[in-house]
Amino acid sequence: MALDAARRSSIYQKLVPVLGEQDANALMTEFPSVEADELVTKQFLRAELATLETRLTLRMGAMFMASTSLLALIRFFS
């Protein structure tokens, strides 16, 4: 969930005396400021990569089969 500017500022102001400016800034960068910055879980990323890997493997297999068939036709007609 993204934090609005007022809430981010309030949290930051409370963190600075406790952590110092650098650490407060470092901690605030871990919280998204807009919905587009939502954090991605490792599980979601692994699932997406597995899906992409499967799609790529299928496409490469289809391309291999097509090229093999084309070579067979070339040899047959030559």
N, C-alpha and C. Protein backbone atom coordinates (compact mmCIF):
# COMPACT_ATOMS: atom_id res chain seq x y z
N MET A 1 0.84 -1.17 0.00
CA MET A 1 0.00 0.00 0.00
C MET A 1 0.88 1.24 0.00
N ALA A 2 0.61 2.17 -0.89
CA ALA A 2 1.41 3.38 -1.00
C ALA A 2 1.03 4.37 0.11
N LEU A 3 2.00 5.14 0.53
CA LEU A 3 1.78 6.19 1.53
C LEU A 3 1.62 7.52 0.81
N ASP A 4 0.66 8.34 1.28
CA ASP A 4 0.54 9.67 0.68
C ASP A 4 1.65 10.56 1.23
N ALA A 5 1.83 11.71 0.60
CA ALA A 5 2.95 12.61 0.95
C ALA A 5 2.89 13.06 2.40
N ALA A 6 1.70 13.37 2.89
CA ALA A 6 1.57 13.85 4.28
C ALA A 6 1.97 12.76 5.27
N ARG A 7 1.53 11.52 5.02
CA ARG A 7 1.86 10.42 5.92
C ARG A 7 3.35 10.11 5.86
N ARG A 8 3.94 10.13 4.65
CA ARG A 8 5.38 9.89 4.51
C ARG A 8 6.17 10.93 5.29
N SER A 9 5.77 12.18 5.17
CA SER A 9 6.46 13.27 5.86
C SER A 9 6.35 13.09 7.37
N SER A 10 5.17 12.74 7.85
CA SER A 10 4.96 12.54 9.28
C SER A 10 5.85 11.42 9.81
N ILE A 11 5.86 10.32 9.10
CA ILE A 11 6.69 9.18 9.53
C ILE A 11 8.17 9.56 9.50
N TYR A 12 8.57 10.22 8.43
CA TYR A 12 9.98 10.62 8.29
C TYR A 12 10.40 11.53 9.45
N GLN A 13 9.57 12.53 9.76
CA GLN A 13 9.89 13.46 10.84
C GLN A 13 10.04 12.75 12.19
N LYS A 14 9.28 11.70 12.39
CA LYS A 14 9.38 10.93 13.64
C LYS A 14 10.60 10.01 13.65
N LEU A 15 11.02 9.58 12.49
CA LEU A 15 12.17 8.68 12.40
C LEU A 15 13.51 9.40 12.54
N VAL A 16 13.60 10.62 12.03
CA VAL A 16 14.88 11.34 12.02
C VAL A 16 15.51 11.45 13.41
N PRO A 17 14.78 11.85 14.44
CA PRO A 17 15.42 11.94 15.76
C PRO A 17 15.87 10.58 16.31
N VAL A 18 15.20 9.54 15.92
CA VAL A 18 15.52 8.20 16.43
C VAL A 18 16.66 7.56 15.64
N LEU A 19 16.60 7.66 14.30
CA LEU A 19 17.56 6.96 13.45
C LEU A 19 18.62 7.86 12.83
N GLY A 20 18.36 9.13 12.72
CA GLY A 20 19.23 10.03 11.98
C GLY A 20 18.73 10.14 10.54
N GLU A 21 19.17 11.20 9.85
CA GLU A 21 18.67 11.47 8.50
C GLU A 21 18.97 10.36 7.51
N GLN A 22 20.22 9.89 7.49
CA GLN A 22 20.58 8.87 6.50
C GLN A 22 19.79 7.58 6.66
N ASP A 23 19.70 7.08 7.88
CA ASP A 23 18.97 5.84 8.10
C ASP A 23 17.47 6.03 7.89
N ALA A 24 16.93 7.18 8.27
CA ALA A 24 15.51 7.46 8.03
C ALA A 24 15.22 7.47 6.53
N ASN A 25 16.11 8.11 5.76
CA ASN A 25 15.95 8.11 4.30
C ASN A 25 16.03 6.70 3.74
N ALA A 26 16.99 5.93 4.22
CA ALA A 26 17.15 4.55 3.74
C ALA A 26 15.90 3.73 4.03
N LEU A 27 15.35 3.88 5.21
CA LEU A 27 14.15 3.13 5.58
C LEU A 27 12.96 3.58 4.74
N MET A 28 12.80 4.86 4.50
CA MET A 28 11.65 5.36 3.74
C MET A 28 11.70 4.91 2.28
N THR A 29 12.87 4.66 1.75
CA THR A 29 12.94 4.19 0.36
C THR A 29 12.37 2.79 0.21
N GLU A 30 12.21 2.07 1.31
CA GLU A 30 11.66 0.72 1.27
C GLU A 30 10.13 0.71 1.18
N PHE A 31 9.50 1.86 1.39
CA PHE A 31 8.05 1.95 1.33
C PHE A 31 7.64 2.68 0.06
N PRO A 32 6.76 2.08 -0.75
CA PRO A 32 6.37 2.71 -2.01
C PRO A 32 5.65 4.04 -1.78
N SER A 33 5.94 5.01 -2.64
CA SER A 33 5.30 6.32 -2.53
C SER A 33 4.10 6.42 -3.45
N VAL A 34 4.04 5.57 -4.46
CA VAL A 34 2.90 5.51 -5.38
C VAL A 34 2.59 4.05 -5.64
N GLU A 35 1.37 3.76 -6.07
CA GLU A 35 0.96 2.38 -6.29
C GLU A 35 1.87 1.66 -7.28
N ALA A 36 2.40 2.37 -8.28
CA ALA A 36 3.25 1.74 -9.28
C ALA A 36 4.55 1.20 -8.67
N ASP A 37 4.91 1.69 -7.50
CA ASP A 37 6.14 1.26 -6.84
C ASP A 37 5.92 0.08 -5.89
N GLU A 38 4.76 -0.58 -5.98
CA GLU A 38 4.50 -1.68 -5.06
C GLU A 38 5.59 -2.73 -5.15
N LEU A 39 5.90 -3.28 -4.01
CA LEU A 39 6.96 -4.28 -3.95
C LEU A 39 6.48 -5.59 -4.56
N VAL A 40 7.40 -6.31 -5.16
CA VAL A 40 7.09 -7.60 -5.78
C VAL A 40 7.65 -8.69 -4.87
N THR A 41 6.85 -9.70 -4.62
CA THR A 41 7.34 -10.80 -3.78
C THR A 41 8.20 -11.74 -4.62
N LYS A 42 9.08 -12.45 -3.95
CA LYS A 42 9.93 -13.43 -4.63
C LYS A 42 9.08 -14.51 -5.27
N GLN A 43 8.02 -14.92 -4.58
CA GLN A 43 7.14 -15.98 -5.11
C GLN A 43 6.49 -15.53 -6.41
N PHE A 44 5.99 -14.29 -6.47
CA PHE A 44 5.37 -13.77 -7.69
C PHE A 44 6.39 -13.71 -8.82
N LEU A 45 7.58 -13.21 -8.51
CA LEU A 45 8.62 -13.08 -9.52
C LEU A 45 9.04 -14.45 -10.06
N ARG A 46 9.17 -15.44 -9.17
CA ARG A 46 9.52 -16.80 -9.61
C ARG A 46 8.45 -17.37 -10.54
N ALA A 47 7.19 -17.14 -10.19
CA ALA A 47 6.09 -17.65 -11.03
C ALA A 47 6.11 -16.98 -12.40
N GLU A 48 6.34 -15.68 -12.44
CA GLU A 48 6.40 -14.97 -13.71
C GLU A 48 7.56 -15.46 -14.56
N LEU A 49 8.71 -15.66 -13.94
CA LEU A 49 9.88 -16.15 -14.68
C LEU A 49 9.66 -17.56 -15.20
N ALA A 50 9.00 -18.40 -14.40
CA ALA A 50 8.72 -19.77 -14.84
C ALA A 50 7.78 -19.75 -16.05
N THR A 51 6.79 -18.88 -16.02
CA THR A 51 5.86 -18.75 -17.15
C THR A 51 6.59 -18.30 -18.40
N LEU A 52 7.45 -17.30 -18.26
CA LEU A 52 8.21 -16.81 -19.40
C LEU A 52 9.16 -17.88 -19.94
N GLU A 53 9.77 -18.64 -19.04
CA GLU A 53 10.67 -19.71 -19.46
C GLU A 53 9.91 -20.76 -20.28
N THR A 54 8.72 -21.12 -19.81
CA THR A 54 7.91 -22.11 -20.53
C THR A 54 7.53 -21.60 -21.91
N ARG A 55 7.09 -20.35 -21.99
CA ARG A 55 6.71 -19.78 -23.28
C ARG A 55 7.90 -19.74 -24.23
N LEU A 56 9.06 -19.35 -23.71
CA LEU A 56 10.26 -19.28 -24.55
C LEU A 56 10.66 -20.67 -25.04
N THR A 57 10.61 -21.65 -24.16
CA THR A 57 10.95 -23.02 -24.54
C THR A 57 10.03 -23.53 -25.63
N LEU A 58 8.73 -23.28 -25.49
CA LEU A 58 7.77 -23.71 -26.51
C LEU A 58 8.03 -23.03 -27.86
N ARG A 59 8.31 -21.75 -27.82
CA ARG A 59 8.59 -21.03 -29.07
C ARG A 59 9.87 -21.53 -29.73
N MET A 60 10.89 -21.77 -28.91
CA MET A 60 12.15 -22.26 -29.48
C MET A 60 11.95 -23.65 -30.08
N GLY A 61 11.15 -24.48 -29.42
CA GLY A 61 10.87 -25.82 -29.95
C GLY A 61 10.13 -25.73 -31.27
N ALA A 62 9.15 -24.83 -31.36
CA ALA A 62 8.40 -24.66 -32.60
C ALA A 62 9.31 -24.16 -33.71
N MET A 63 10.20 -23.23 -33.38
CA MET A 63 11.12 -22.72 -34.40
C MET A 63 12.08 -23.81 -34.87
N PHE A 64 12.53 -24.65 -33.94
CA PHE A 64 13.42 -25.75 -34.30
C PHE A 64 12.71 -26.72 -35.24
N MET A 65 11.47 -27.06 -34.90
CA MET A 65 10.69 -27.98 -35.74
C MET A 65 10.47 -27.39 -37.13
N ALA A 66 10.17 -26.11 -37.19
CA ALA A 66 9.94 -25.46 -38.48
C ALA A 66 11.21 -25.45 -39.32
N SER A 67 12.33 -25.15 -38.70
CA SER A 67 13.58 -25.12 -39.46
C SER A 67 13.99 -26.52 -39.91
N THR A 68 13.74 -27.54 -39.08
CA THR A 68 14.05 -28.92 -39.45
C THR A 68 13.18 -29.35 -40.62
N SER A 69 11.90 -28.99 -40.57
CA SER A 69 10.99 -29.33 -41.66
C SER A 69 11.41 -28.64 -42.95
N LEU A 70 11.81 -27.39 -42.85
CA LEU A 70 12.25 -26.64 -44.02
C LEU A 70 13.50 -27.28 -44.64
N LEU A 71 14.43 -27.67 -43.79
CA LEU A 71 15.64 -28.33 -44.29
C LEU A 71 15.30 -29.67 -44.96
N ALA A 72 14.37 -30.41 -44.41
CA ALA A 72 13.95 -31.67 -45.00
C ALA A 72 13.32 -31.43 -46.37
N LEU A 73 12.52 -30.40 -46.50
CA LEU A 73 11.90 -30.08 -47.81
C LEU A 73 12.95 -29.66 -48.83
N ILE A 74 13.92 -28.88 -48.38
CA ILE A 74 14.98 -28.45 -49.29
C ILE A 74 15.76 -29.66 -49.81
N ARG A 75 16.09 -30.59 -48.92
CA ARG A 75 16.81 -31.79 -49.32
C ARG A 75 15.95 -32.66 -50.24
N PHE A 76 14.67 -32.75 -49.95
CA PHE A 76 13.79 -33.57 -50.76
C PHE A 76 13.67 -33.06 -52.19
N PHE A 77 13.60 -31.73 -52.34
CA PHE A 77 13.43 -31.16 -53.68
C PHE A 77 14.76 -30.84 -54.39
N SER A 78 15.88 -31.13 -53.75
CA SER A 78 17.13 -30.85 -54.45
C SER A 78 17.79 -32.10 -54.99
